[in-house]
Amino acid sequence: MPKKYKILVPEPKSRFVRVRCPDCGNEQVVFDRATFPARCLVCGRQLVEPTGGKAKILGEVIRILG
């Protein structure tokens, strides 16, 4: 019988993250490799600072989604 090979499917390394704003406590979903600064929808504080690759998350990470 011929040997069956497992087909490898690549998975993305990026995730969506639920972040809590340190000023007002609002929870918001942001992308962990964001290329644009994400701001809190309630108070306007910057939650994500983009870098060359993975973004710097300035709020408290509550949960990693996906």
PDB file of N, CA and C in Angstrom:
ATOM      1  N   MET A   1       0.835  -1.181   0.000  1.00  0.00           N
ATOM      2  CA  MET A   1       0.000   0.000   0.000  1.00  0.00           C
ATOM      3  C   MET A   1       0.879   1.243   0.000  1.00  0.00           C
ATOM      4  N   PRO A   2       0.494   2.238  -0.769  1.00  0.00           N
ATOM      5  CA  PRO A   2       1.279   3.476  -0.777  1.00  0.00           C
ATOM      6  C   PRO A   2       1.116   4.236   0.539  1.00  0.00           C
ATOM      7  N   LYS A   3       2.188   4.897   0.916  1.00  0.00           N
ATOM      8  CA  LYS A   3       2.185   5.647   2.165  1.00  0.00           C
ATOM      9  C   LYS A   3       1.453   6.976   1.971  1.00  0.00           C
ATOM     10  N   LYS A   4       0.543   7.320   2.887  1.00  0.00           N
ATOM     11  CA  LYS A   4      -0.185   8.583   2.801  1.00  0.00           C
ATOM     12  C   LYS A   4       0.619   9.659   3.519  1.00  0.00           C
ATOM     13  N   TYR A   5       0.741  10.815   2.889  1.00  0.00           N
ATOM     14  CA  TYR A   5       1.452  11.940   3.466  1.00  0.00           C
ATOM     15  C   TYR A   5       0.459  12.951   3.999  1.00  0.00           C
ATOM     16  N   LYS A   6       0.794  13.501   5.125  1.00  0.00           N
ATOM     17  CA  LYS A   6      -0.051  14.518   5.722  1.00  0.00           C
ATOM     18  C   LYS A   6       0.196  15.849   5.009  1.00  0.00           C
ATOM     19  N   ILE A   7      -0.852  16.490   4.550  1.00  0.00           N
ATOM     20  CA  ILE A   7      -0.730  17.763   3.863  1.00  0.00           C
ATOM     21  C   ILE A   7      -0.730  18.865   4.917  1.00  0.00           C
ATOM     22  N   LEU A   8       0.315  19.664   4.927  1.00  0.00           N
ATOM     23  CA  LEU A   8       0.437  20.740   5.900  1.00  0.00           C
ATOM     24  C   LEU A   8      -0.236  21.996   5.363  1.00  0.00           C
ATOM     25  N   VAL A   9      -1.126  22.560   6.156  1.00  0.00           N
ATOM     26  CA  VAL A   9      -1.819  23.786   5.794  1.00  0.00           C
ATOM     27  C   VAL A   9      -1.281  24.894   6.692  1.00  0.00           C
ATOM     28  N   PRO A  10      -0.746  25.960   6.100  1.00  0.00           N
ATOM     29  CA  PRO A  10      -0.189  27.027   6.942  1.00  0.00           C
ATOM     30  C   PRO A  10      -1.284  27.779   7.694  1.00  0.00           C
ATOM     31  N   GLU A  11      -0.987  28.130   8.943  1.00  0.00           N
ATOM     32  CA  GLU A  11      -1.911  28.898   9.764  1.00  0.00           C
ATOM     33  C   GLU A  11      -1.346  30.291   9.972  1.00  0.00           C
ATOM     34  N   PRO A  12      -2.201  31.292  10.002  1.00  0.00           N
ATOM     35  CA  PRO A  12      -1.688  32.652  10.219  1.00  0.00           C
ATOM     36  C   PRO A  12      -1.178  32.830  11.647  1.00  0.00           C
ATOM     37  N   LYS A  13      -0.147  33.660  11.794  1.00  0.00           N
ATOM     38  CA  LYS A  13       0.424  33.921  13.111  1.00  0.00           C
ATOM     39  C   LYS A  13      -0.262  35.100  13.797  1.00  0.00           C
ATOM     40  N   SER A  14      -1.045  35.844  13.045  1.00  0.00           N
ATOM     41  CA  SER A  14      -1.700  37.016  13.607  1.00  0.00           C
ATOM     42  C   SER A  14      -3.051  36.653  14.201  1.00  0.00           C
ATOM     43  N   ARG A  15      -3.451  37.404  15.217  1.00  0.00           N
ATOM     44  CA  ARG A  15      -4.689  37.129  15.940  1.00  0.00           C
ATOM     45  C   ARG A  15      -5.415  38.434  16.232  1.00  0.00           C
ATOM     46  N   PHE A  16      -6.688  38.299  16.540  1.00  0.00           N
ATOM     47  CA  PHE A  16      -7.453  39.415  17.073  1.00  0.00           C
ATOM     48  C   PHE A  16      -7.400  39.316  18.590  1.00  0.00           C
ATOM     49  N   VAL A  17      -7.331  40.470  19.252  1.00  0.00           N
ATOM     50  CA  VAL A  17      -7.150  40.514  20.690  1.00  0.00           C
ATOM     51  C   VAL A  17      -8.205  41.440  21.294  1.00  0.00           C
ATOM     52  N   ARG A  18      -8.811  41.011  22.403  1.00  0.00           N
ATOM     53  CA  ARG A  18      -9.736  41.882  23.140  1.00  0.00           C
ATOM     54  C   ARG A  18      -8.918  42.642  24.168  1.00  0.00           C
ATOM     55  N   VAL A  19      -8.980  43.988  24.085  1.00  0.00           N
ATOM     56  CA  VAL A  19      -8.155  44.863  24.910  1.00  0.00           C
ATOM     57  C   VAL A  19      -9.055  45.766  25.744  1.00  0.00           C
ATOM     58  N   ARG A  20      -8.664  45.998  27.012  1.00  0.00           N
ATOM     59  CA  ARG A  20      -9.392  46.922  27.885  1.00  0.00           C
ATOM     60  C   ARG A  20      -8.620  48.239  27.966  1.00  0.00           C
ATOM     61  N   CYS A  21      -9.336  49.334  27.787  1.00  0.00           N
ATOM     62  CA  CYS A  21      -8.737  50.663  27.878  1.00  0.00           C
ATOM     63  C   CYS A  21      -8.384  50.955  29.332  1.00  0.00           C
ATOM     64  N   PRO A  22      -7.151  51.428  29.610  1.00  0.00           N
ATOM     65  CA  PRO A  22      -6.764  51.706  30.993  1.00  0.00           C
ATOM     66  C   PRO A  22      -7.456  52.930  31.588  1.00  0.00           C
ATOM     67  N   ASP A  23      -7.955  53.836  30.752  1.00  0.00           N
ATOM     68  CA  ASP A  23      -8.599  55.048  31.262  1.00  0.00           C
ATOM     69  C   ASP A  23     -10.068  54.832  31.603  1.00  0.00           C
ATOM     70  N   CYS A  24     -10.842  54.302  30.651  1.00  0.00           N
ATOM     71  CA  CYS A  24     -12.294  54.228  30.855  1.00  0.00           C
ATOM     72  C   CYS A  24     -12.811  52.808  31.066  1.00  0.00           C
ATOM     73  N   GLY A  25     -12.003  51.778  30.803  1.00  0.00           N
ATOM     74  CA  GLY A  25     -12.435  50.396  31.019  1.00  0.00           C
ATOM     75  C   GLY A  25     -13.214  49.794  29.866  1.00  0.00           C
ATOM     76  N   ASN A  26     -13.316  50.510  28.752  1.00  0.00           N
ATOM     77  CA  ASN A  26     -14.021  49.994  27.579  1.00  0.00           C
ATOM     78  C   ASN A  26     -13.244  48.839  26.970  1.00  0.00           C
ATOM     79  N   GLU A  27     -13.959  47.775  26.573  1.00  0.00           N
ATOM     80  CA  GLU A  27     -13.322  46.628  25.926  1.00  0.00           C
ATOM     81  C   GLU A  27     -13.516  46.737  24.425  1.00  0.00           C
ATOM     82  N   GLN A  28     -12.456  46.451  23.686  1.00  0.00           N
ATOM     83  CA  GLN A  28     -12.482  46.612  22.240  1.00  0.00           C
ATOM     84  C   GLN A  28     -11.628  45.525  21.600  1.00  0.00           C
ATOM     85  N   VAL A  29     -12.023  45.086  20.410  1.00  0.00           N
ATOM     86  CA  VAL A  29     -11.269  44.075  19.680  1.00  0.00           C
ATOM     87  C   VAL A  29     -10.336  44.778  18.701  1.00  0.00           C
ATOM     88  N   VAL A  30      -9.028  44.447  18.778  1.00  0.00           N
ATOM     89  CA  VAL A  30      -8.028  45.027  17.883  1.00  0.00           C
ATOM     90  C   VAL A  30      -7.200  43.902  17.265  1.00  0.00           C
ATOM     91  N   PHE A  31      -6.469  44.225  16.197  1.00  0.00           N
ATOM     92  CA  PHE A  31      -5.616  43.281  15.492  1.00  0.00           C
ATOM     93  C   PHE A  31      -4.209  43.376  16.072  1.00  0.00           C
ATOM     94  N   ASP A  32      -3.573  42.238  16.355  1.00  0.00           N
ATOM     95  CA  ASP A  32      -2.272  42.287  17.021  1.00  0.00           C
ATOM     96  C   ASP A  32      -1.129  42.696  16.100  1.00  0.00           C
ATOM     97  N   ARG A  33      -1.342  42.737  14.809  1.00  0.00           N
ATOM     98  CA  ARG A  33      -0.323  43.213  13.871  1.00  0.00           C
ATOM     99  C   ARG A  33      -0.849  44.437  13.119  1.00  0.00           C
ATOM    100  N   ALA A  34      -1.429  45.343  13.878  1.00  0.00           N
ATOM    101  CA  ALA A  34      -2.050  46.528  13.298  1.00  0.00           C
ATOM    102  C   ALA A  34      -0.998  47.433  12.660  1.00  0.00           C
ATOM    103  N   THR A  35      -1.350  48.050  11.543  1.00  0.00           N
ATOM    104  CA  THR A  35      -0.461  48.989  10.865  1.00  0.00           C
ATOM    105  C   THR A  35      -0.945  50.420  11.036  1.00  0.00           C
ATOM    106  N   PHE A  36      -2.035  50.602  11.746  1.00  0.00           N
ATOM    107  CA  PHE A  36      -2.604  51.920  11.985  1.00  0.00           C
ATOM    108  C   PHE A  36      -2.954  52.004  13.468  1.00  0.00           C
ATOM    109  N   PRO A  37      -2.678  53.127  14.133  1.00  0.00           N
ATOM    110  CA  PRO A  37      -2.964  53.208  15.568  1.00  0.00           C
ATOM    111  C   PRO A  37      -4.464  53.120  15.853  1.00  0.00           C
ATOM    112  N   ALA A  38      -4.856  52.160  16.694  1.00  0.00           N
ATOM    113  CA  ALA A  38      -6.260  51.996  17.069  1.00  0.00           C
ATOM    114  C   ALA A  38      -6.514  52.790  18.341  1.00  0.00           C
ATOM    115  N   ARG A  39      -7.630  53.506  18.360  1.00  0.00           N
ATOM    116  CA  ARG A  39      -7.983  54.330  19.507  1.00  0.00           C
ATOM    117  C   ARG A  39      -9.251  53.802  20.161  1.00  0.00           C
ATOM    118  N   CYS A  40      -9.410  54.102  21.451  1.00  0.00           N
ATOM    119  CA  CYS A  40     -10.605  53.721  22.191  1.00  0.00           C
ATOM    120  C   CYS A  40     -11.796  54.481  21.614  1.00  0.00           C
ATOM    121  N   LEU A  41     -12.898  53.790  21.451  1.00  0.00           N
ATOM    122  CA  LEU A  41     -14.080  54.412  20.866  1.00  0.00           C
ATOM    123  C   LEU A  41     -14.792  55.344  21.845  1.00  0.00           C
ATOM    124  N   VAL A  42     -14.536  55.194  23.136  1.00  0.00           N
ATOM    125  CA  VAL A  42     -15.218  56.008  24.145  1.00  0.00           C
ATOM    126  C   VAL A  42     -14.408  57.258  24.490  1.00  0.00           C
ATOM    127  N   CYS A  43     -13.142  57.069  24.898  1.00  0.00           N
ATOM    128  CA  CYS A  43     -12.357  58.213  25.377  1.00  0.00           C
ATOM    129  C   CYS A  43     -11.308  58.695  24.372  1.00  0.00           C
ATOM    130  N   GLY A  44     -10.986  57.905  23.369  1.00  0.00           N
ATOM    131  CA  GLY A  44     -10.040  58.335  22.342  1.00  0.00           C
ATOM    132  C   GLY A  44      -8.584  58.036  22.639  1.00  0.00           C
ATOM    133  N   ARG A  45      -8.288  57.318  23.711  1.00  0.00           N
ATOM    134  CA  ARG A  45      -6.894  56.979  24.028  1.00  0.00           C
ATOM    135  C   ARG A  45      -6.373  55.933  23.051  1.00  0.00           C
ATOM    136  N   GLN A  46      -5.103  56.037  22.684  1.00  0.00           N
ATOM    137  CA  GLN A  46      -4.487  55.096  21.759  1.00  0.00           C
ATOM    138  C   GLN A  46      -4.264  53.758  22.456  1.00  0.00           C
ATOM    139  N   LEU A  47      -4.791  52.680  21.866  1.00  0.00           N
ATOM    140  CA  LEU A  47      -4.676  51.346  22.440  1.00  0.00           C
ATOM    141  C   LEU A  47      -3.587  50.519  21.778  1.00  0.00           C
ATOM    142  N   VAL A  48      -3.292  50.798  20.505  1.00  0.00           N
ATOM    143  CA  VAL A  48      -2.315  50.008  19.755  1.00  0.00           C
ATOM    144  C   VAL A  48      -1.343  50.952  19.067  1.00  0.00           C
ATOM    145  N   GLU A  49      -0.048  50.690  19.271  1.00  0.00           N
ATOM    146  CA  GLU A  49       0.995  51.467  18.603  1.00  0.00           C
ATOM    147  C   GLU A  49       1.649  50.578  17.547  1.00  0.00           C
ATOM    148  N   PRO A  50       1.518  50.928  16.265  1.00  0.00           N
ATOM    149  CA  PRO A  50       2.087  50.069  15.230  1.00  0.00           C
ATOM    150  C   PRO A  50       3.615  50.113  15.230  1.00  0.00           C
ATOM    151  N   THR A  51       4.209  48.959  14.968  1.00  0.00           N
ATOM    152  CA  THR A  51       5.659  48.847  14.802  1.00  0.00           C
ATOM    153  C   THR A  51       5.881  48.194  13.436  1.00  0.00           C
ATOM    154  N   GLY A  52       7.058  47.724  13.183  1.00  0.00           N
ATOM    155  CA  GLY A  52       7.333  47.109  11.898  1.00  0.00           C
ATOM    156  C   GLY A  52       6.611  45.793  11.684  1.00  0.00           C
ATOM    157  N   GLY A  53       6.338  45.064  12.738  1.00  0.00           N
ATOM    158  CA  GLY A  53       5.670  43.772  12.637  1.00  0.00           C
ATOM    159  C   GLY A  53       4.508  43.699  13.596  1.00  0.00           C
ATOM    160  N   LYS A  54       4.740  43.054  14.733  1.00  0.00           N
ATOM    161  CA  LYS A  54       3.695  42.930  15.743  1.00  0.00           C
ATOM    162  C   LYS A  54       3.513  44.267  16.457  1.00  0.00           C
ATOM    163  N   ALA A  55       2.267  44.684  16.622  1.00  0.00           N
ATOM    164  CA  ALA A  55       1.983  45.984  17.216  1.00  0.00           C
ATOM    165  C   ALA A  55       2.170  45.949  18.732  1.00  0.00           C
ATOM    166  N   LYS A  56       2.512  47.098  19.301  1.00  0.00           N
ATOM    167  CA  LYS A  56       2.658  47.218  20.749  1.00  0.00           C
ATOM    168  C   LYS A  56       1.282  47.564  21.316  1.00  0.00           C
ATOM    169  N   ILE A  57       0.746  46.699  22.173  1.00  0.00           N
ATOM    170  CA  ILE A  57      -0.573  46.904  22.746  1.00  0.00           C
ATOM    171  C   ILE A  57      -0.412  47.669  24.049  1.00  0.00           C
ATOM    172  N   LEU A  58      -1.051  48.847  24.130  1.00  0.00           N
ATOM    173  CA  LEU A  58      -0.885  49.726  25.272  1.00  0.00           C
ATOM    174  C   LEU A  58      -1.923  49.504  26.353  1.00  0.00           C
ATOM    175  N   GLY A  59      -3.007  48.791  26.037  1.00  0.00           N
ATOM    176  CA  GLY A  59      -4.028  48.490  27.033  1.00  0.00           C
ATOM    177  C   GLY A  59      -3.803  47.118  27.642  1.00  0.00           C
ATOM    178  N   GLU A  60      -4.755  46.693  28.460  1.00  0.00           N
ATOM    179  CA  GLU A  60      -4.671  45.378  29.106  1.00  0.00           C
ATOM    180  C   GLU A  60      -5.306  44.325  28.193  1.00  0.00           C
ATOM    181  N   VAL A  61      -4.542  43.279  27.863  1.00  0.00           N
ATOM    182  CA  VAL A  61      -5.046  42.198  27.028  1.00  0.00           C
ATOM    183  C   VAL A  61      -5.944  41.317  27.887  1.00  0.00           C
ATOM    184  N   ILE A  62      -7.211  41.199  27.474  1.00  0.00           N
ATOM    185  CA  ILE A  62      -8.167  40.395  28.219  1.00  0.00           C
ATOM    186  C   ILE A  62      -8.201  38.976  27.678  1.00  0.00           C
ATOM    187  N   ARG A  63      -8.259  38.861  26.350  1.00  0.00           N
ATOM    188  CA  ARG A  63      -8.420  37.537  25.741  1.00  0.00           C
ATOM    189  C   ARG A  63      -7.896  37.559  24.320  1.00  0.00           C
ATOM    190  N   ILE A  64      -7.270  36.472  23.905  1.00  0.00           N
ATOM    191  CA  ILE A  64      -6.829  36.313  22.524  1.00  0.00           C
ATOM    192  C   ILE A  64      -7.908  35.526  21.793  1.00  0.00           C
ATOM    193  N   LEU A  65      -8.440  36.076  20.732  1.00  0.00           N
ATOM    194  CA  LEU A  65      -9.542  35.466  19.993  1.00  0.00           C
ATOM    195  C   LEU A  65      -9.001  34.646  18.834  1.00  0.00           C
ATOM    196  N   GLY A  66      -9.718  33.590  18.497  1.00  0.00           N
ATOM    197  CA  GLY A  66      -9.349  32.771  17.344  1.00  0.00           C
ATOM    198  C   GLY A  66      -8.299  31.825  17.669  1.00  0.00           C
TER     199      GLY A  66
END
